[in-house]
Full PDB file with SEQRES, HELIX, SHEET, SSBOND, CRYST1, ORIGX, SCALE, CONECT and MASTER records, all heavy atoms in Angstrom:
SEQRES   1 A   43  GLY GLY GLU GLY PHE LEU MET GLU ARG GLN THR ASP GLY          
SEQRES   2 A   43  THR SER LYS GLY LEU THR GLY ILE ILE TRP ARG ASN SER          
SEQRES   3 A   43  TRP PRO VAL LEU GLY LEU MET LEU LEU ASN PHE VAL VAL          
SEQRES   4 A   43  GLY TYR THR ASP                                              
HELIX    1 AA1 SER A   15  THR A   42  1                                  28    
CRYST1    1.000    1.000    1.000  90.00  90.00  90.00 P 1           1          
ORIGX1      1.000000  0.000000  0.000000        0.00000                         
ORIGX2      0.000000  1.000000  0.000000        0.00000                         
ORIGX3      0.000000  0.000000  1.000000        0.00000                         
SCALE1      1.000000  0.000000  0.000000        0.00000                         
SCALE2      0.000000  1.000000  0.000000        0.00000                         
SCALE3      0.000000  0.000000  1.000000        0.00000                         
ATOM      1  N   GLY A   1     -59.306 -50.032  19.549  1.00  0.00           N  
ATOM      2  CA  GLY A   1     -59.980 -49.823  20.852  1.00  0.00           C  
ATOM      3  C   GLY A   1     -61.292 -49.284  20.698  1.00  0.00           C  
ATOM      4  O   GLY A   1     -61.704 -48.588  19.734  1.00  0.00           O  
ATOM      5  N   GLY A   2     -62.071 -49.428  21.758  1.00  0.00           N  
ATOM      6  CA  GLY A   2     -63.419 -48.885  21.828  1.00  0.00           C  
ATOM      7  C   GLY A   2     -64.374 -49.404  20.777  1.00  0.00           C  
ATOM      8  O   GLY A   2     -64.112 -50.431  20.201  1.00  0.00           O  
ATOM      9  N   GLU A   3     -65.456 -48.818  20.663  1.00  0.00           N  
ATOM     10  CA  GLU A   3     -66.468 -49.191  19.680  1.00  0.00           C  
ATOM     11  C   GLU A   3     -66.312 -48.679  18.256  1.00  0.00           C  
ATOM     12  O   GLU A   3     -66.874 -49.158  17.279  1.00  0.00           O  
ATOM     13  CB  GLU A   3     -67.813 -48.757  20.146  1.00  0.00           C  
ATOM     14  CG  GLU A   3     -68.377 -49.504  21.370  1.00  0.00           C  
ATOM     15  CD  GLU A   3     -68.459 -51.006  21.110  1.00  0.00           C  
ATOM     16  OE1 GLU A   3     -69.001 -51.404  20.130  1.00  0.00           O  
ATOM     17  OE2 GLU A   3     -67.924 -51.763  21.904  1.00  0.00           O  
ATOM     18  N   GLY A   4     -65.306 -47.777  18.128  1.00  0.00           N  
ATOM     19  CA  GLY A   4     -65.124 -47.133  16.833  1.00  0.00           C  
ATOM     20  C   GLY A   4     -66.191 -46.174  16.444  1.00  0.00           C  
ATOM     21  O   GLY A   4     -67.128 -45.970  17.126  1.00  0.00           O  
ATOM     22  N   PHE A   5     -65.984 -45.572  15.271  1.00  0.00           N  
ATOM     23  CA  PHE A   5     -66.954 -44.576  14.862  1.00  0.00           C  
ATOM     24  C   PHE A   5     -67.978 -45.101  13.823  1.00  0.00           C  
ATOM     25  O   PHE A   5     -68.874 -44.458  13.551  1.00  0.00           O  
ATOM     26  CB  PHE A   5     -66.235 -43.367  14.095  1.00  0.00           C  
ATOM     27  CG  PHE A   5     -65.699 -42.384  15.097  1.00  0.00           C  
ATOM     28  CD1 PHE A   5     -65.192 -42.699  16.292  1.00  0.00           C  
ATOM     29  CD2 PHE A   5     -65.764 -41.012  14.800  1.00  0.00           C  
ATOM     30  CE1 PHE A   5     -64.668 -41.815  17.138  1.00  0.00           C  
ATOM     31  CE2 PHE A   5     -65.252 -40.067  15.642  1.00  0.00           C  
ATOM     32  CZ  PHE A   5     -64.800 -40.520  16.832  1.00  0.00           C  
ATOM     33  N   LEU A   6     -67.832 -46.344  13.391  1.00  0.00           N  
ATOM     34  CA  LEU A   6     -68.801 -47.010  12.486  1.00  0.00           C  
ATOM     35  C   LEU A   6     -70.012 -47.362  13.300  1.00  0.00           C  
ATOM     36  O   LEU A   6     -69.866 -48.023  14.297  1.00  0.00           O  
ATOM     37  CB  LEU A   6     -68.224 -48.198  11.816  1.00  0.00           C  
ATOM     38  CG  LEU A   6     -66.925 -47.849  10.928  1.00  0.00           C  
ATOM     39  CD1 LEU A   6     -66.563 -49.116  10.271  1.00  0.00           C  
ATOM     40  CD2 LEU A   6     -67.123 -46.748  10.039  1.00  0.00           C  
ATOM     41  N   MET A   7     -71.116 -46.922  12.930  1.00  0.00           N  
ATOM     42  CA  MET A   7     -72.408 -47.196  13.630  1.00  0.00           C  
ATOM     43  C   MET A   7     -72.672 -48.683  13.590  1.00  0.00           C  
ATOM     44  O   MET A   7     -72.740 -49.252  12.543  1.00  0.00           O  
ATOM     45  CB  MET A   7     -73.498 -46.375  13.120  1.00  0.00           C  
ATOM     46  CG  MET A   7     -74.885 -46.609  13.844  1.00  0.00           C  
ATOM     47  SD  MET A   7     -76.198 -45.564  13.229  1.00  0.00           S  
ATOM     48  CE  MET A   7     -75.674 -43.982  13.631  1.00  0.00           C  
ATOM     49  N   GLU A   8     -72.938 -49.259  14.721  1.00  0.00           N  
ATOM     50  CA  GLU A   8     -73.238 -50.630  14.756  1.00  0.00           C  
ATOM     51  C   GLU A   8     -74.747 -50.780  14.610  1.00  0.00           C  
ATOM     52  O   GLU A   8     -75.495 -50.267  15.421  1.00  0.00           O  
ATOM     53  CB  GLU A   8     -72.818 -51.317  16.140  1.00  0.00           C  
ATOM     54  CG  GLU A   8     -73.010 -52.774  16.208  1.00  0.00           C  
ATOM     55  CD  GLU A   8     -72.314 -53.440  17.319  1.00  0.00           C  
ATOM     56  OE1 GLU A   8     -71.379 -52.815  17.829  1.00  0.00           O  
ATOM     57  OE2 GLU A   8     -72.756 -54.478  17.744  1.00  0.00           O  
ATOM     58  N   ARG A   9     -75.153 -51.491  13.528  1.00  0.00           N  
ATOM     59  CA  ARG A   9     -76.527 -51.602  13.258  1.00  0.00           C  
ATOM     60  C   ARG A   9     -76.923 -53.117  13.134  1.00  0.00           C  
ATOM     61  O   ARG A   9     -76.065 -53.868  12.701  1.00  0.00           O  
ATOM     62  CB  ARG A   9     -76.891 -50.899  11.893  1.00  0.00           C  
ATOM     63  CG  ARG A   9     -76.406 -49.523  11.777  1.00  0.00           C  
ATOM     64  CD  ARG A   9     -76.844 -48.884  10.461  1.00  0.00           C  
ATOM     65  NE  ARG A   9     -76.361 -47.489  10.380  1.00  0.00           N  
ATOM     66  CZ  ARG A   9     -75.191 -47.205   9.841  1.00  0.00           C  
ATOM     67  NH1 ARG A   9     -74.402 -48.089   9.351  1.00  0.00           N  
ATOM     68  NH2 ARG A   9     -74.825 -45.967   9.792  1.00  0.00           N  
ATOM     69  N   GLN A  10     -78.122 -53.362  13.470  1.00  0.00           N  
ATOM     70  CA  GLN A  10     -78.592 -54.696  13.248  1.00  0.00           C  
ATOM     71  C   GLN A  10     -79.946 -54.595  12.516  1.00  0.00           C  
ATOM     72  O   GLN A  10     -80.845 -53.991  13.066  1.00  0.00           O  
ATOM     73  CB  GLN A  10     -78.830 -55.384  14.655  1.00  0.00           C  
ATOM     74  CG  GLN A  10     -79.201 -56.871  14.557  1.00  0.00           C  
ATOM     75  CD  GLN A  10     -77.995 -57.700  14.306  1.00  0.00           C  
ATOM     76  OE1 GLN A  10     -76.943 -57.439  14.514  1.00  0.00           O  
ATOM     77  NE2 GLN A  10     -78.176 -58.846  13.677  1.00  0.00           N  
ATOM     78  N   THR A  11     -80.031 -55.038  11.371  1.00  0.00           N  
ATOM     79  CA  THR A  11     -81.295 -54.936  10.632  1.00  0.00           C  
ATOM     80  C   THR A  11     -81.482 -56.196   9.794  1.00  0.00           C  
ATOM     81  O   THR A  11     -80.538 -56.757   9.184  1.00  0.00           O  
ATOM     82  CB  THR A  11     -81.226 -53.737   9.658  1.00  0.00           C  
ATOM     83  OG1 THR A  11     -82.461 -53.697   8.871  1.00  0.00           O  
ATOM     84  CG2 THR A  11     -80.060 -53.738   8.701  1.00  0.00           C  
ATOM     85  N   ASP A  12     -82.717 -56.636   9.699  1.00  0.00           N  
ATOM     86  CA  ASP A  12     -83.135 -57.733   8.884  1.00  0.00           C  
ATOM     87  C   ASP A  12     -83.772 -57.318   7.681  1.00  0.00           C  
ATOM     88  O   ASP A  12     -84.387 -58.097   7.011  1.00  0.00           O  
ATOM     89  CB  ASP A  12     -83.980 -58.696   9.688  1.00  0.00           C  
ATOM     90  CG  ASP A  12     -85.344 -57.969  10.270  1.00  0.00           C  
ATOM     91  OD1 ASP A  12     -85.423 -56.798   9.987  1.00  0.00           O  
ATOM     92  OD2 ASP A  12     -86.038 -58.619  11.037  1.00  0.00           O  
ATOM     93  N   GLY A  13     -83.665 -55.975   7.288  1.00  0.00           N  
ATOM     94  CA  GLY A  13     -84.365 -55.476   6.094  1.00  0.00           C  
ATOM     95  C   GLY A  13     -85.781 -55.170   6.342  1.00  0.00           C  
ATOM     96  O   GLY A  13     -86.438 -54.847   5.281  1.00  0.00           O  
ATOM     97  N   THR A  14     -86.377 -55.285   7.545  1.00  0.00           N  
ATOM     98  CA  THR A  14     -87.765 -54.961   7.723  1.00  0.00           C  
ATOM     99  C   THR A  14     -87.998 -53.428   7.602  1.00  0.00           C  
ATOM    100  O   THR A  14     -87.074 -52.695   7.820  1.00  0.00           O  
ATOM    101  CB  THR A  14     -88.316 -55.515   9.071  1.00  0.00           C  
ATOM    102  OG1 THR A  14     -87.482 -54.774  10.127  1.00  0.00           O  
ATOM    103  CG2 THR A  14     -87.999 -56.904   9.177  1.00  0.00           C  
ATOM    104  N   SER A  15     -89.279 -53.027   7.513  1.00  0.00           N  
ATOM    105  CA  SER A  15     -89.597 -51.655   7.392  1.00  0.00           C  
ATOM    106  C   SER A  15     -89.190 -50.879   8.712  1.00  0.00           C  
ATOM    107  O   SER A  15     -88.667 -49.831   8.641  1.00  0.00           O  
ATOM    108  CB  SER A  15     -91.143 -51.530   7.256  1.00  0.00           C  
ATOM    109  OG  SER A  15     -91.511 -50.070   7.359  1.00  0.00           O  
ATOM    110  N   LYS A  16     -89.373 -51.532   9.888  1.00  0.00           N  
ATOM    111  CA  LYS A  16     -88.990 -50.846  11.133  1.00  0.00           C  
ATOM    112  C   LYS A  16     -87.447 -50.730  11.248  1.00  0.00           C  
ATOM    113  O   LYS A  16     -87.050 -49.682  11.700  1.00  0.00           O  
ATOM    114  CB  LYS A  16     -89.560 -51.689  12.284  1.00  0.00           C  
ATOM    115  CG  LYS A  16     -89.265 -51.068  13.700  1.00  0.00           C  
ATOM    116  CD  LYS A  16     -89.912 -51.879  14.789  1.00  0.00           C  
ATOM    117  CE  LYS A  16     -89.649 -51.251  16.145  1.00  0.00           C  
ATOM    118  NZ  LYS A  16     -90.232 -52.034  17.263  1.00  0.00           N  
ATOM    119  N   GLY A  17     -86.755 -51.703  10.858  1.00  0.00           N  
ATOM    120  CA  GLY A  17     -85.267 -51.650  10.890  1.00  0.00           C  
ATOM    121  C   GLY A  17     -84.749 -50.607   9.990  1.00  0.00           C  
ATOM    122  O   GLY A  17     -83.831 -49.776  10.414  1.00  0.00           O  
ATOM    123  N   LEU A  18     -85.215 -50.510   8.770  1.00  0.00           N  
ATOM    124  CA  LEU A  18     -84.760 -49.523   7.885  1.00  0.00           C  
ATOM    125  C   LEU A  18     -85.068 -48.076   8.213  1.00  0.00           C  
ATOM    126  O   LEU A  18     -84.296 -47.155   8.188  1.00  0.00           O  
ATOM    127  CB  LEU A  18     -85.283 -49.733   6.433  1.00  0.00           C  
ATOM    128  CG  LEU A  18     -84.805 -50.991   5.704  1.00  0.00           C  
ATOM    129  CD1 LEU A  18     -85.518 -51.191   4.358  1.00  0.00           C  
ATOM    130  CD2 LEU A  18     -83.343 -51.014   5.531  1.00  0.00           C  
ATOM    131  N   THR A  19     -86.274 -47.936   8.813  1.00  0.00           N  
ATOM    132  CA  THR A  19     -86.754 -46.566   9.213  1.00  0.00           C  
ATOM    133  C   THR A  19     -85.908 -46.139  10.423  1.00  0.00           C  
ATOM    134  O   THR A  19     -85.551 -44.909  10.404  1.00  0.00           O  
ATOM    135  CB  THR A  19     -88.238 -46.697   9.646  1.00  0.00           C  
ATOM    136  OG1 THR A  19     -88.979 -47.135   8.521  1.00  0.00           O  
ATOM    137  CG2 THR A  19     -88.730 -45.317  10.054  1.00  0.00           C  
ATOM    138  N   GLY A  20     -85.567 -47.027  11.329  1.00  0.00           N  
ATOM    139  CA  GLY A  20     -84.711 -46.595  12.372  1.00  0.00           C  
ATOM    140  C   GLY A  20     -83.305 -46.130  11.985  1.00  0.00           C  
ATOM    141  O   GLY A  20     -82.881 -45.118  12.543  1.00  0.00           O  
ATOM    142  N   ILE A  21     -82.716 -46.863  11.070  1.00  0.00           N  
ATOM    143  CA  ILE A  21     -81.409 -46.487  10.605  1.00  0.00           C  
ATOM    144  C   ILE A  21     -81.525 -45.090   9.864  1.00  0.00           C  
ATOM    145  O   ILE A  21     -80.688 -44.177  10.060  1.00  0.00           O  
ATOM    146  CB  ILE A  21     -80.867 -47.526   9.625  1.00  0.00           C  
ATOM    147  CG1 ILE A  21     -80.594 -48.829  10.319  1.00  0.00           C  
ATOM    148  CG2 ILE A  21     -79.619 -47.113   8.900  1.00  0.00           C  
ATOM    149  CD1 ILE A  21     -80.270 -50.029   9.493  1.00  0.00           C  
ATOM    150  N   ILE A  22     -82.475 -44.876   9.088  1.00  0.00           N  
ATOM    151  CA  ILE A  22     -82.663 -43.661   8.286  1.00  0.00           C  
ATOM    152  C   ILE A  22     -82.881 -42.449   9.267  1.00  0.00           C  
ATOM    153  O   ILE A  22     -82.308 -41.389   9.132  1.00  0.00           O  
ATOM    154  CB  ILE A  22     -83.990 -43.797   7.368  1.00  0.00           C  
ATOM    155  CG1 ILE A  22     -83.574 -44.772   6.226  1.00  0.00           C  
ATOM    156  CG2 ILE A  22     -84.227 -42.403   6.774  1.00  0.00           C  
ATOM    157  CD1 ILE A  22     -84.813 -45.178   5.427  1.00  0.00           C  
ATOM    158  N   TRP A  23     -83.663 -42.644  10.370  1.00  0.00           N  
ATOM    159  CA  TRP A  23     -83.929 -41.661  11.372  1.00  0.00           C  
ATOM    160  C   TRP A  23     -82.589 -41.289  12.033  1.00  0.00           C  
ATOM    161  O   TRP A  23     -82.254 -40.076  12.198  1.00  0.00           O  
ATOM    162  CB  TRP A  23     -84.941 -42.101  12.334  1.00  0.00           C  
ATOM    163  CG  TRP A  23     -85.102 -41.177  13.462  1.00  0.00           C  
ATOM    164  CD1 TRP A  23     -84.810 -41.465  14.759  1.00  0.00           C  
ATOM    165  CD2 TRP A  23     -85.577 -39.802  13.464  1.00  0.00           C  
ATOM    166  NE1 TRP A  23     -85.053 -40.377  15.621  1.00  0.00           N  
ATOM    167  CE2 TRP A  23     -85.511 -39.363  14.810  1.00  0.00           C  
ATOM    168  CE3 TRP A  23     -86.092 -39.015  12.467  1.00  0.00           C  
ATOM    169  CZ2 TRP A  23     -85.925 -38.017  15.124  1.00  0.00           C  
ATOM    170  CZ3 TRP A  23     -86.487 -37.713  12.799  1.00  0.00           C  
ATOM    171  CH2 TRP A  23     -86.429 -37.244  14.138  1.00  0.00           C  
ATOM    172  N   ARG A  24     -81.832 -42.282  12.438  1.00  0.00           N  
ATOM    173  CA  ARG A  24     -80.589 -41.966  13.119  1.00  0.00           C  
ATOM    174  C   ARG A  24     -79.602 -41.277  12.221  1.00  0.00           C  
ATOM    175  O   ARG A  24     -78.758 -40.467  12.838  1.00  0.00           O  
ATOM    176  CB  ARG A  24     -79.937 -43.356  13.700  1.00  0.00           C  
ATOM    177  CG  ARG A  24     -80.608 -43.966  14.794  1.00  0.00           C  
ATOM    178  CD  ARG A  24     -79.836 -45.036  15.567  1.00  0.00           C  
ATOM    179  NE  ARG A  24     -79.480 -46.059  14.624  1.00  0.00           N  
ATOM    180  CZ  ARG A  24     -80.295 -47.250  14.441  1.00  0.00           C  
ATOM    181  NH1 ARG A  24     -81.392 -47.262  15.085  1.00  0.00           N  
ATOM    182  NH2 ARG A  24     -79.941 -48.218  13.657  1.00  0.00           N  
ATOM    183  N   ASN A  25     -79.648 -41.428  10.961  1.00  0.00           N  
ATOM    184  CA  ASN A  25     -78.701 -40.755  10.064  1.00  0.00           C  
ATOM    185  C   ASN A  25     -79.272 -39.489   9.594  1.00  0.00           C  
ATOM    186  O   ASN A  25     -78.537 -38.609   9.031  1.00  0.00           O  
ATOM    187  CB  ASN A  25     -78.425 -41.642   8.887  1.00  0.00           C  
ATOM    188  CG  ASN A  25     -77.304 -42.629   9.150  1.00  0.00           C  
ATOM    189  OD1 ASN A  25     -76.136 -42.392   9.017  1.00  0.00           O  
ATOM    190  ND2 ASN A  25     -77.788 -43.804   9.681  1.00  0.00           N  
ATOM    191  N   SER A  26     -80.582 -39.195   9.839  1.00  0.00           N  
ATOM    192  CA  SER A  26     -81.183 -37.979   9.284  1.00  0.00           C  
ATOM    193  C   SER A  26     -81.325 -36.846  10.291  1.00  0.00           C  
ATOM    194  O   SER A  26     -81.014 -35.646   9.950  1.00  0.00           O  
ATOM    195  CB  SER A  26     -82.610 -38.284   8.707  1.00  0.00           C  
ATOM    196  OG  SER A  26     -82.535 -39.207   7.724  1.00  0.00           O  
ATOM    197  N   TRP A  27     -81.745 -37.150  11.550  1.00  0.00           N  
ATOM    198  CA  TRP A  27     -82.085 -36.024  12.442  1.00  0.00           C  
ATOM    199  C   TRP A  27     -80.888 -35.225  12.739  1.00  0.00           C  
ATOM    200  O   TRP A  27     -81.027 -33.992  12.949  1.00  0.00           O  
ATOM    201  CB  TRP A  27     -82.801 -36.550  13.665  1.00  0.00           C  
ATOM    202  CG  TRP A  27     -81.919 -37.188  14.676  1.00  0.00           C  
ATOM    203  CD1 TRP A  27     -81.772 -38.513  15.013  1.00  0.00           C  
ATOM    204  CD2 TRP A  27     -81.144 -36.498  15.664  1.00  0.00           C  
ATOM    205  NE1 TRP A  27     -80.881 -38.708  15.979  1.00  0.00           N  
ATOM    206  CE2 TRP A  27     -80.422 -37.525  16.495  1.00  0.00           C  
ATOM    207  CE3 TRP A  27     -80.816 -35.156  16.017  1.00  0.00           C  
ATOM    208  CZ2 TRP A  27     -79.548 -37.223  17.432  1.00  0.00           C  
ATOM    209  CZ3 TRP A  27     -79.958 -34.890  17.015  1.00  0.00           C  
ATOM    210  CH2 TRP A  27     -79.252 -35.915  17.713  1.00  0.00           C  
ATOM    211  N   PRO A  28     -79.607 -35.735  12.992  1.00  0.00           N  
ATOM    212  CA  PRO A  28     -78.547 -34.860  13.319  1.00  0.00           C  
ATOM    213  C   PRO A  28     -78.239 -33.895  12.077  1.00  0.00           C  
ATOM    214  O   PRO A  28     -77.839 -32.773  12.358  1.00  0.00           O  
ATOM    215  CB  PRO A  28     -77.436 -35.869  13.620  1.00  0.00           C  
ATOM    216  CG  PRO A  28     -78.025 -37.083  13.895  1.00  0.00           C  
ATOM    217  CD  PRO A  28     -79.255 -37.202  13.041  1.00  0.00           C  
ATOM    218  N   VAL A  29     -78.368 -34.385  10.919  1.00  0.00           N  
ATOM    219  CA  VAL A  29     -78.099 -33.624   9.736  1.00  0.00           C  
ATOM    220  C   VAL A  29     -79.090 -32.409   9.650  1.00  0.00           C  
ATOM    221  O   VAL A  29     -78.777 -31.233   9.360  1.00  0.00           O  
ATOM    222  CB  VAL A  29     -78.161 -34.385   8.428  1.00  0.00           C  
ATOM    223  CG1 VAL A  29     -77.783 -33.501   7.206  1.00  0.00           C  
ATOM    224  CG2 VAL A  29     -77.076 -35.527   8.575  1.00  0.00           C  
ATOM    225  N   LEU A  30     -80.446 -32.739   9.930  1.00  0.00           N  
ATOM    226  CA  LEU A  30     -81.451 -31.754   9.921  1.00  0.00           C  
ATOM    227  C   LEU A  30     -81.172 -30.718  10.970  1.00  0.00           C  
ATOM    228  O   LEU A  30     -81.314 -29.527  10.784  1.00  0.00           O  
ATOM    229  CB  LEU A  30     -82.801 -32.381  10.194  1.00  0.00           C  
ATOM    230  CG  LEU A  30     -83.977 -31.361  10.218  1.00  0.00           C  
ATOM    231  CD1 LEU A  30     -84.137 -30.609   8.989  1.00  0.00           C  
ATOM    232  CD2 LEU A  30     -85.323 -32.171  10.566  1.00  0.00           C  
ATOM    233  N   GLY A  31     -80.738 -31.157  12.158  1.00  0.00           N  
ATOM    234  CA  GLY A  31     -80.369 -30.241  13.320  1.00  0.00           C  
ATOM    235  C   GLY A  31     -79.221 -29.394  12.821  1.00  0.00           C  
ATOM    236  O   GLY A  31     -79.247 -28.115  13.174  1.00  0.00           O  
ATOM    237  N   LEU A  32     -78.308 -29.960  12.146  1.00  0.00           N  
ATOM    238  CA  LEU A  32     -77.028 -29.163  11.817  1.00  0.00           C  
ATOM    239  C   LEU A  32     -77.451 -28.115  10.862  1.00  0.00           C  
ATOM    240  O   LEU A  32     -76.963 -26.911  10.872  1.00  0.00           O  
ATOM    241  CB  LEU A  32     -76.064 -30.071  11.141  1.00  0.00           C  
ATOM    242  CG  LEU A  32     -74.669 -29.569  10.801  1.00  0.00           C  
ATOM    243  CD1 LEU A  32     -73.533 -30.610  11.030  1.00  0.00           C  
ATOM    244  CD2 LEU A  32     -74.636 -29.041   9.421  1.00  0.00           C  
ATOM    245  N   MET A  33     -78.397 -28.449   9.823  1.00  0.00           N  
ATOM    246  CA  MET A  33     -78.715 -27.456   8.830  1.00  0.00           C  
ATOM    247  C   MET A  33     -79.570 -26.362   9.548  1.00  0.00           C  
ATOM    248  O   MET A  33     -79.434 -25.116   9.139  1.00  0.00           O  
ATOM    249  CB  MET A  33     -79.540 -28.164   7.799  1.00  0.00           C  
ATOM    250  CG  MET A  33     -78.744 -29.130   6.941  1.00  0.00           C  
ATOM    251  SD  MET A  33     -79.640 -29.988   5.634  1.00  0.00           S  
ATOM    252  CE  MET A  33     -79.678 -28.699   4.474  1.00  0.00           C  
ATOM    253  N   LEU A  34     -80.377 -26.652  10.559  1.00  0.00           N  
ATOM    254  CA  LEU A  34     -81.163 -25.630  11.167  1.00  0.00           C  
ATOM    255  C   LEU A  34     -80.218 -24.730  11.927  1.00  0.00           C  
ATOM    256  O   LEU A  34     -80.388 -23.521  11.953  1.00  0.00           O  
ATOM    257  CB  LEU A  34     -82.125 -26.246  12.182  1.00  0.00           C  
ATOM    258  CG  LEU A  34     -83.358 -26.969  11.588  1.00  0.00           C  
ATOM    259  CD1 LEU A  34     -84.124 -27.803  12.625  1.00  0.00           C  
ATOM    260  CD2 LEU A  34     -84.240 -25.994  10.905  1.00  0.00           C  
ATOM    261  N   LEU A  35     -79.093 -25.250  12.504  1.00  0.00           N  
ATOM    262  CA  LEU A  35     -78.175 -24.466  13.282  1.00  0.00           C  
ATOM    263  C   LEU A  35     -77.427 -23.491  12.303  1.00  0.00           C  
ATOM    264  O   LEU A  35     -77.138 -22.336  12.601  1.00  0.00           O  
ATOM    265  CB  LEU A  35     -77.195 -25.332  13.951  1.00  0.00           C  
ATOM    266  CG  LEU A  35     -77.660 -26.190  15.210  1.00  0.00           C  
ATOM    267  CD1 LEU A  35     -76.609 -27.140  15.644  1.00  0.00           C  
ATOM    268  CD2 LEU A  35     -78.094 -25.169  16.357  1.00  0.00           C  
ATOM    269  N   ASN A  36     -77.172 -24.086  11.108  1.00  0.00           N  
ATOM    270  CA  ASN A  36     -76.524 -23.165  10.094  1.00  0.00           C  
ATOM    271  C   ASN A  36     -77.476 -21.942   9.695  1.00  0.00           C  
ATOM    272  O   ASN A  36     -77.033 -20.946   9.529  1.00  0.00           O  
ATOM    273  CB  ASN A  36     -76.172 -24.038   8.797  1.00  0.00           C  
ATOM    274  CG  ASN A  36     -74.847 -24.624   8.880  1.00  0.00           C  
ATOM    275  OD1 ASN A  36     -73.771 -23.834   9.090  1.00  0.00           O  
ATOM    276  ND2 ASN A  36     -74.723 -25.814   8.748  1.00  0.00           N  
ATOM    277  N   PHE A  37     -78.735 -22.324   9.629  1.00  0.00           N  
ATOM    278  CA  PHE A  37     -79.690 -21.247   9.316  1.00  0.00           C  
ATOM    279  C   PHE A  37     -79.770 -20.236  10.485  1.00  0.00           C  
ATOM    280  O   PHE A  37     -79.838 -19.045  10.230  1.00  0.00           O  
ATOM    281  CB  PHE A  37     -81.078 -21.895   9.233  1.00  0.00           C  
ATOM    282  CG  PHE A  37     -82.199 -20.943   9.038  1.00  0.00           C  
ATOM    283  CD1 PHE A  37     -82.418 -20.346   7.779  1.00  0.00           C  
ATOM    284  CD2 PHE A  37     -82.990 -20.585  10.185  1.00  0.00           C  
ATOM    285  CE1 PHE A  37     -83.578 -19.481   7.631  1.00  0.00           C  
ATOM    286  CE2 PHE A  37     -84.022 -19.684  10.015  1.00  0.00           C  
ATOM    287  CZ  PHE A  37     -84.251 -19.111   8.785  1.00  0.00           C  
ATOM    288  N   VAL A  38     -79.627 -20.615  11.716  1.00  0.00           N  
ATOM    289  CA  VAL A  38     -79.698 -19.769  12.776  1.00  0.00           C  
ATOM    290  C   VAL A  38     -78.443 -18.826  12.833  1.00  0.00           C  
ATOM    291  O   VAL A  38     -78.573 -17.737  13.014  1.00  0.00           O  
ATOM    292  CB  VAL A  38     -79.751 -20.545  14.184  1.00  0.00           C  
ATOM    293  CG1 VAL A  38     -79.515 -19.646  15.393  1.00  0.00           C  
ATOM    294  CG2 VAL A  38     -81.134 -21.289  14.278  1.00  0.00           C  
ATOM    295  N   VAL A  39     -77.281 -19.454  12.478  1.00  0.00           N  
ATOM    296  CA  VAL A  39     -76.129 -18.653  12.462  1.00  0.00           C  
ATOM    297  C   VAL A  39     -76.181 -17.525  11.380  1.00  0.00           C  
ATOM    298  O   VAL A  39     -75.916 -16.332  11.631  1.00  0.00           O  
ATOM    299  CB  VAL A  39     -74.923 -19.489  12.109  1.00  0.00           C  
ATOM    300  CG1 VAL A  39     -73.662 -18.660  11.732  1.00  0.00           C  
ATOM    301  CG2 VAL A  39     -74.495 -20.402  13.316  1.00  0.00           C  
ATOM    302  N   GLY A  40     -76.700 -17.863  10.215  1.00  0.00           N  
ATOM    303  CA  GLY A  40     -76.828 -16.824   9.096  1.00  0.00           C  
ATOM    304  C   GLY A  40     -77.889 -15.845   9.542  1.00  0.00           C  
ATOM    305  O   GLY A  40     -77.681 -14.629   9.248  1.00  0.00           O  
ATOM    306  N   TYR A  41     -78.977 -16.263  10.094  1.00  0.00           N  
ATOM    307  CA  TYR A  41     -80.006 -15.295  10.479  1.00  0.00           C  
ATOM    308  C   TYR A  41     -79.570 -14.348  11.576  1.00  0.00           C  
ATOM    309  O   TYR A  41     -79.902 -13.154  11.600  1.00  0.00           O  
ATOM    310  CB  TYR A  41     -81.209 -16.134  11.062  1.00  0.00           C  
ATOM    311  CG  TYR A  41     -82.371 -15.175  11.397  1.00  0.00           C  
ATOM    312  CD1 TYR A  41     -83.297 -14.758  10.437  1.00  0.00           C  
ATOM    313  CD2 TYR A  41     -82.568 -14.915  12.727  1.00  0.00           C  
ATOM    314  CE1 TYR A  41     -84.318 -13.941  10.824  1.00  0.00           C  
ATOM    315  CE2 TYR A  41     -83.623 -14.046  13.151  1.00  0.00           C  
ATOM    316  CZ  TYR A  41     -84.510 -13.590  12.230  1.00  0.00           C  
ATOM    317  OH  TYR A  41     -85.620 -12.750  12.526  1.00  0.00           O  
ATOM    318  N   THR A  42     -78.790 -14.910  12.500  1.00  0.00           N  
ATOM    319  CA  THR A  42     -78.257 -14.001  13.575  1.00  0.00           C  
ATOM    320  C   THR A  42     -77.303 -12.820  13.026  1.00  0.00           C  
ATOM    321  O   THR A  42     -77.459 -11.740  13.516  1.00  0.00           O  
ATOM    322  CB  THR A  42     -77.509 -14.842  14.626  1.00  0.00           C  
ATOM    323  OG1 THR A  42     -78.342 -15.896  15.172  1.00  0.00           O  
ATOM    324  CG2 THR A  42     -76.873 -13.949  15.781  1.00  0.00           C  
ATOM    325  N   ASP A  43     -76.421 -13.285  12.105  1.00  0.00           N  
ATOM    326  CA  ASP A  43     -75.614 -12.214  11.477  1.00  0.00           C  
ATOM    327  C   ASP A  43     -76.498 -11.115  10.824  1.00  0.00           C  
ATOM    328  O   ASP A  43     -76.208  -9.874  11.018  1.00  0.00           O  
ATOM    329  CB  ASP A  43     -74.749 -12.799  10.398  1.00  0.00           C  
ATOM    330  CG  ASP A  43     -73.598 -13.694  11.049  1.00  0.00           C  
ATOM    331  OD1 ASP A  43     -73.462 -13.664  12.170  1.00  0.00           O  
ATOM    332  OD2 ASP A  43     -72.951 -14.407  10.190  1.00  0.00           O  
TER     333      ASP A  43                                                      
MASTER        0    0    0    1    0    0    0    6  332    1    0    4          
END                                                                             
């Protein structure tokens, strides 16, 4: 059911396509690491 958790991507291997995929996989991780930093700093 549903769309599933696997990210649906369409890429032809161009610079723009690869960059978009990298960005979608990078910014949430960077945000998560910043949040971990905030938690430790608050303590």
